[in-house]
Amino acid sequence: TGHPVISIPTGFDKRGRPTSMTFVG
């Protein structure tokens, strides 16, 4: 659909790898 999004860090998983969430506009 062409909508904008931003992905931002939310912490880390059990293996120390980053996680994220997305905001859609």
PDB file of all heavy atoms in Angstrom:
ATOM      1  N   THR A   1       0.804  -1.222   0.000  1.00  0.00           N
ATOM      2  CA  THR A   1       0.000   0.000   0.000  1.00  0.00           C
ATOM      3  C   THR A   1       0.836   1.270   0.000  1.00  0.00           C
ATOM      4  O   THR A   1       0.312   2.345  -0.293  1.00  0.00           O
ATOM      5  CB  THR A   1      -0.932   0.028   1.227  1.00  0.00           C
ATOM      6  OG1 THR A   1      -0.134   0.005   2.426  1.00  0.00           O
ATOM      7  CG2 THR A   1      -1.884  -1.163   1.219  1.00  0.00           C
ATOM      8  N   GLY A   2       2.111   1.156   0.337  1.00  0.00           N
ATOM      9  CA  GLY A   2       2.999   2.317   0.304  1.00  0.00           C
ATOM     10  C   GLY A   2       3.045   3.123   1.576  1.00  0.00           C
ATOM     11  O   GLY A   2       3.595   4.231   1.597  1.00  0.00           O
ATOM     12  N   HIS A   3       2.500   2.613   2.695  1.00  0.00           N
ATOM     13  CA  HIS A   3       2.487   3.364   3.952  1.00  0.00           C
ATOM     14  C   HIS A   3       3.877   3.410   4.589  1.00  0.00           C
ATOM     15  O   HIS A   3       4.648   2.451   4.482  1.00  0.00           O
ATOM     16  CB  HIS A   3       1.489   2.750   4.929  1.00  0.00           C
ATOM     17  CG  HIS A   3       0.063   3.048   4.589  1.00  0.00           C
ATOM     18  ND1 HIS A   3      -0.616   2.381   3.590  1.00  0.00           N
ATOM     19  CD2 HIS A   3      -0.804   3.963   5.087  1.00  0.00           C
ATOM     20  CE1 HIS A   3      -1.849   2.861   3.505  1.00  0.00           C
ATOM     21  NE2 HIS A   3      -1.986   3.826   4.400  1.00  0.00           N
ATOM     22  N   PRO A   4       4.182   4.494   5.305  1.00  0.00           N
ATOM     23  CA  PRO A   4       5.488   4.605   5.958  1.00  0.00           C
ATOM     24  C   PRO A   4       5.520   3.838   7.271  1.00  0.00           C
ATOM     25  O   PRO A   4       4.501   3.717   7.964  1.00  0.00           O
ATOM     26  CB  PRO A   4       5.611   6.110   6.217  1.00  0.00           C
ATOM     27  CG  PRO A   4       4.193   6.567   6.436  1.00  0.00           C
ATOM     28  CD  PRO A   4       3.370   5.717   5.488  1.00  0.00           C
ATOM     29  N   VAL A   5       6.688   3.316   7.627  1.00  0.00           N
ATOM     30  CA  VAL A   5       6.876   2.648   8.919  1.00  0.00           C
ATOM     31  C   VAL A   5       8.245   3.002   9.473  1.00  0.00           C
ATOM     32  O   VAL A   5       9.166   3.368   8.733  1.00  0.00           O
ATOM     33  CB  VAL A   5       6.762   1.106   8.821  1.00  0.00           C
ATOM     34  CG1 VAL A   5       5.468   0.680   8.149  1.00  0.00           C
ATOM     35  CG2 VAL A   5       7.963   0.499   8.103  1.00  0.00           C
ATOM     36  N   ILE A   6       8.367   2.875  10.795  1.00  0.00           N
ATOM     37  CA  ILE A   6       9.673   2.989  11.435  1.00  0.00           C
ATOM     38  C   ILE A   6       9.852   1.817  12.374  1.00  0.00           C
ATOM     39  O   ILE A   6       8.933   1.443  13.114  1.00  0.00           O
ATOM     40  CB  ILE A   6       9.846   4.335  12.181  1.00  0.00           C
ATOM     41  CG1 ILE A   6      11.293   4.505  12.667  1.00  0.00           C
ATOM     42  CG2 ILE A   6       8.848   4.487  13.333  1.00  0.00           C
ATOM     43  CD1 ILE A   6      11.626   5.912  13.139  1.00  0.00           C
ATOM     44  N   SER A   7      11.005   1.175  12.302  1.00  0.00           N
ATOM     45  CA  SER A   7      11.349   0.051  13.167  1.00  0.00           C
ATOM     46  C   SER A   7      12.322   0.541  14.220  1.00  0.00           C
ATOM     47  O   SER A   7      13.352   1.146  13.876  1.00  0.00           O
ATOM     48  CB  SER A   7      11.977  -1.077  12.336  1.00  0.00           C
ATOM     49  OG  SER A   7      12.506  -2.089  13.173  1.00  0.00           O
ATOM     50  N   ILE A   8      11.992   0.314  15.507  1.00  0.00           N
ATOM     51  CA  ILE A   8      12.852   0.794  16.593  1.00  0.00           C
ATOM     52  C   ILE A   8      13.196  -0.340  17.541  1.00  0.00           C
ATOM     53  O   ILE A   8      12.401  -1.253  17.756  1.00  0.00           O
ATOM     54  CB  ILE A   8      12.182   1.956  17.370  1.00  0.00           C
ATOM     55  CG1 ILE A   8      10.845   1.507  17.961  1.00  0.00           C
ATOM     56  CG2 ILE A   8      12.004   3.166  16.472  1.00  0.00           C
ATOM     57  CD1 ILE A   8      10.204   2.554  18.860  1.00  0.00           C
ATOM     58  N   PRO A   9      14.386  -0.298  18.163  1.00  0.00           N
ATOM     59  CA  PRO A   9      14.800  -1.365  19.075  1.00  0.00           C
ATOM     60  C   PRO A   9      13.947  -1.407  20.346  1.00  0.00           C
ATOM     61  O   PRO A   9      13.535  -0.360  20.873  1.00  0.00           O
ATOM     62  CB  PRO A   9      16.248  -1.005  19.410  1.00  0.00           C
ATOM     63  CG  PRO A   9      16.693  -0.057  18.342  1.00  0.00           C
ATOM     64  CD  PRO A   9      15.461   0.687  17.934  1.00  0.00           C
ATOM     65  N   THR A  10      13.701  -2.627  20.841  1.00  0.00           N
ATOM     66  CA  THR A  10      12.926  -2.820  22.071  1.00  0.00           C
ATOM     67  C   THR A  10      13.665  -3.655  23.104  1.00  0.00           C
ATOM     68  O   THR A  10      13.079  -4.041  24.121  1.00  0.00           O
ATOM     69  CB  THR A  10      11.584  -3.514  21.754  1.00  0.00           C
ATOM     70  OG1 THR A  10      11.860  -4.736  21.054  1.00  0.00           O
ATOM     71  CG2 THR A  10      10.683  -2.626  20.920  1.00  0.00           C
ATOM     72  N   GLY A  11      14.910  -3.969  22.867  1.00  0.00           N
ATOM     73  CA  GLY A  11      15.662  -4.789  23.804  1.00  0.00           C
ATOM     74  C   GLY A  11      16.350  -5.943  23.109  1.00  0.00           C
ATOM     75  O   GLY A  11      16.722  -5.835  21.933  1.00  0.00           O
ATOM     76  N   PHE A  12      16.481  -7.063  23.834  1.00  0.00           N
ATOM     77  CA  PHE A  12      17.253  -8.189  23.323  1.00  0.00           C
ATOM     78  C   PHE A  12      16.562  -9.508  23.674  1.00  0.00           C
ATOM     79  O   PHE A  12      15.805  -9.592  24.646  1.00  0.00           O
ATOM     80  CB  PHE A  12      18.665  -8.176  23.921  1.00  0.00           C
ATOM     81  CG  PHE A  12      19.419  -6.912  23.619  1.00  0.00           C
ATOM     82  CD1 PHE A  12      19.311  -5.805  24.457  1.00  0.00           C
ATOM     83  CD2 PHE A  12      20.204  -6.812  22.489  1.00  0.00           C
ATOM     84  CE1 PHE A  12      19.981  -4.625  24.174  1.00  0.00           C
ATOM     85  CE2 PHE A  12      20.884  -5.638  22.193  1.00  0.00           C
ATOM     86  CZ  PHE A  12      20.772  -4.539  23.040  1.00  0.00           C
ATOM     87  N   ASP A  13      16.833 -10.522  22.859  1.00  0.00           N
ATOM     88  CA  ASP A  13      16.297 -11.843  23.165  1.00  0.00           C
ATOM     89  C   ASP A  13      17.258 -12.585  24.096  1.00  0.00           C
ATOM     90  O   ASP A  13      18.261 -12.019  24.556  1.00  0.00           O
ATOM     91  CB  ASP A  13      16.009 -12.630  21.887  1.00  0.00           C
ATOM     92  CG  ASP A  13      17.262 -12.950  21.075  1.00  0.00           C
ATOM     93  OD1 ASP A  13      18.395 -12.854  21.620  1.00  0.00           O
ATOM     94  OD2 ASP A  13      17.127 -13.315  19.889  1.00  0.00           O
ATOM     95  N   LYS A  14      16.962 -13.825  24.378  1.00  0.00           N
ATOM     96  CA  LYS A  14      17.767 -14.594  25.342  1.00  0.00           C
ATOM     97  C   LYS A  14      19.201 -14.782  24.882  1.00  0.00           C
ATOM     98  O   LYS A  14      20.095 -15.024  25.698  1.00  0.00           O
ATOM     99  CB  LYS A  14      17.116 -15.965  25.582  1.00  0.00           C
ATOM    100  CG  LYS A  14      15.779 -15.903  26.317  1.00  0.00           C
ATOM    101  CD  LYS A  14      15.255 -17.312  26.585  1.00  0.00           C
ATOM    102  CE  LYS A  14      13.916 -17.286  27.309  1.00  0.00           C
ATOM    103  NZ  LYS A  14      12.840 -16.732  26.450  1.00  0.00           N
ATOM    104  N   ARG A  15      19.427 -14.691  23.564  1.00  0.00           N
ATOM    105  CA  ARG A  15      20.781 -14.857  23.036  1.00  0.00           C
ATOM    106  C   ARG A  15      21.516 -13.532  22.865  1.00  0.00           C
ATOM    107  O   ARG A  15      22.604 -13.480  22.295  1.00  0.00           O
ATOM    108  CB  ARG A  15      20.722 -15.599  21.696  1.00  0.00           C
ATOM    109  CG  ARG A  15      20.293 -17.051  21.827  1.00  0.00           C
ATOM    110  CD  ARG A  15      20.118 -17.736  20.488  1.00  0.00           C
ATOM    111  NE  ARG A  15      18.938 -17.233  19.781  1.00  0.00           N
ATOM    112  CZ  ARG A  15      18.501 -17.710  18.624  1.00  0.00           C
ATOM    113  NH1 ARG A  15      19.169 -18.702  18.042  1.00  0.00           N
ATOM    114  NH2 ARG A  15      17.425 -17.231  18.054  1.00  0.00           N
ATOM    115  N   GLY A  16      20.903 -12.453  23.338  1.00  0.00           N
ATOM    116  CA  GLY A  16      21.541 -11.144  23.256  1.00  0.00           C
ATOM    117  C   GLY A  16      21.409 -10.476  21.906  1.00  0.00           C
ATOM    118  O   GLY A  16      22.150  -9.547  21.591  1.00  0.00           O
ATOM    119  N   ARG A  17      20.456 -10.948  21.101  1.00  0.00           N
ATOM    120  CA  ARG A  17      20.227 -10.352  19.785  1.00  0.00           C
ATOM    121  C   ARG A  17      19.097  -9.322  19.865  1.00  0.00           C
ATOM    122  O   ARG A  17      18.106  -9.548  20.572  1.00  0.00           O
ATOM    123  CB  ARG A  17      19.870 -11.429  18.772  1.00  0.00           C
ATOM    124  CG  ARG A  17      20.989 -12.436  18.514  1.00  0.00           C
ATOM    125  CD  ARG A  17      20.477 -13.623  17.717  1.00  0.00           C
ATOM    126  NE  ARG A  17      21.542 -14.551  17.342  1.00  0.00           N
ATOM    127  CZ  ARG A  17      21.337 -15.700  16.714  1.00  0.00           C
ATOM    128  NH1 ARG A  17      20.098 -16.074  16.404  1.00  0.00           N
ATOM    129  NH2 ARG A  17      22.357 -16.479  16.404  1.00  0.00           N
ATOM    130  N   PRO A  18      19.212  -8.211  19.134  1.00  0.00           N
ATOM    131  CA  PRO A  18      18.217  -7.142  19.245  1.00  0.00           C
ATOM    132  C   PRO A  18      16.825  -7.560  18.774  1.00  0.00           C
ATOM    133  O   PRO A  18      16.661  -8.423  17.905  1.00  0.00           O
ATOM    134  CB  PRO A  18      18.786  -6.047  18.334  1.00  0.00           C
ATOM    135  CG  PRO A  18      20.247  -6.313  18.257  1.00  0.00           C
ATOM    136  CD  PRO A  18      20.361  -7.815  18.302  1.00  0.00           C
ATOM    137  N   THR A  19      15.812  -6.927  19.371  1.00  0.00           N
ATOM    138  CA  THR A  19      14.418  -7.085  18.960  1.00  0.00           C
ATOM    139  C   THR A  19      13.860  -5.699  18.619  1.00  0.00           C
ATOM    140  O   THR A  19      14.494  -4.680  18.892  1.00  0.00           O
ATOM    141  CB  THR A  19      13.572  -7.721  20.077  1.00  0.00           C
ATOM    142  OG1 THR A  19      13.622  -6.878  21.246  1.00  0.00           O
ATOM    143  CG2 THR A  19      14.095  -9.110  20.430  1.00  0.00           C
ATOM    144  N   SER A  20      12.668  -5.677  18.026  1.00  0.00           N
ATOM    145  CA  SER A  20      12.123  -4.385  17.601  1.00  0.00           C
ATOM    146  C   SER A  20      10.603  -4.383  17.623  1.00  0.00           C
ATOM    147  O   SER A  20       9.968  -5.433  17.774  1.00  0.00           O
ATOM    148  CB  SER A  20      12.579  -4.054  16.172  1.00  0.00           C
ATOM    149  OG  SER A  20      11.856  -4.844  15.226  1.00  0.00           O
ATOM    150  N   MET A  21      10.031  -3.203  17.472  1.00  0.00           N
ATOM    151  CA  MET A  21       8.622  -3.055  17.131  1.00  0.00           C
ATOM    152  C   MET A  21       8.522  -2.014  16.028  1.00  0.00           C
ATOM    153  O   MET A  21       9.471  -1.254  15.771  1.00  0.00           O
ATOM    154  CB  MET A  21       7.768  -2.657  18.339  1.00  0.00           C
ATOM    155  CG  MET A  21       8.060  -1.306  18.941  1.00  0.00           C
ATOM    156  SD  MET A  21       6.931  -1.002  20.343  1.00  0.00           S
ATOM    157  CE  MET A  21       7.757   0.404  21.130  1.00  0.00           C
ATOM    158  N   THR A  22       7.371  -1.982  15.376  1.00  0.00           N
ATOM    159  CA  THR A  22       7.173  -1.101  14.225  1.00  0.00           C
ATOM    160  C   THR A  22       6.001  -0.161  14.469  1.00  0.00           C
ATOM    161  O   THR A  22       4.964  -0.570  14.994  1.00  0.00           O
ATOM    162  CB  THR A  22       6.924  -1.943  12.959  1.00  0.00           C
ATOM    163  OG1 THR A  22       8.139  -2.599  12.583  1.00  0.00           O
ATOM    164  CG2 THR A  22       6.463  -1.072  11.796  1.00  0.00           C
ATOM    165  N   PHE A  23       6.193   1.104  14.092  1.00  0.00           N
ATOM    166  CA  PHE A  23       5.104   2.070  14.066  1.00  0.00           C
ATOM    167  C   PHE A  23       4.750   2.336  12.605  1.00  0.00           C
ATOM    168  O   PHE A  23       5.634   2.628  11.788  1.00  0.00           O
ATOM    169  CB  PHE A  23       5.507   3.386  14.728  1.00  0.00           C
ATOM    170  CG  PHE A  23       5.834   3.287  16.198  1.00  0.00           C
ATOM    171  CD1 PHE A  23       6.619   4.252  16.810  1.00  0.00           C
ATOM    172  CD2 PHE A  23       5.358   2.230  16.975  1.00  0.00           C
ATOM    173  CE1 PHE A  23       6.923   4.175  18.157  1.00  0.00           C
ATOM    174  CE2 PHE A  23       5.664   2.137  18.322  1.00  0.00           C
ATOM    175  CZ  PHE A  23       6.454   3.113  18.927  1.00  0.00           C
ATOM    176  N   VAL A  24       3.460   2.230  12.286  1.00  0.00           N
ATOM    177  CA  VAL A  24       2.972   2.463  10.933  1.00  0.00           C
ATOM    178  C   VAL A  24       2.229   3.799  10.915  1.00  0.00           C
ATOM    179  O   VAL A  24       1.469   4.102  11.842  1.00  0.00           O
ATOM    180  CB  VAL A  24       2.016   1.342  10.475  1.00  0.00           C
ATOM    181  CG1 VAL A  24       1.591   1.554   9.022  1.00  0.00           C
ATOM    182  CG2 VAL A  24       2.667  -0.025  10.668  1.00  0.00           C
ATOM    183  N   GLY A  25       2.436   4.582   9.858  1.00  0.00           N
ATOM    184  CA  GLY A  25       1.753   5.867   9.736  1.00  0.00           C
ATOM    185  C   GLY A  25       0.894   5.933   8.494  1.00  0.00           C
ATOM    186  O   GLY A  25       0.935   5.052   7.630  1.00  0.00           O
TER     187      GLY A  25
END
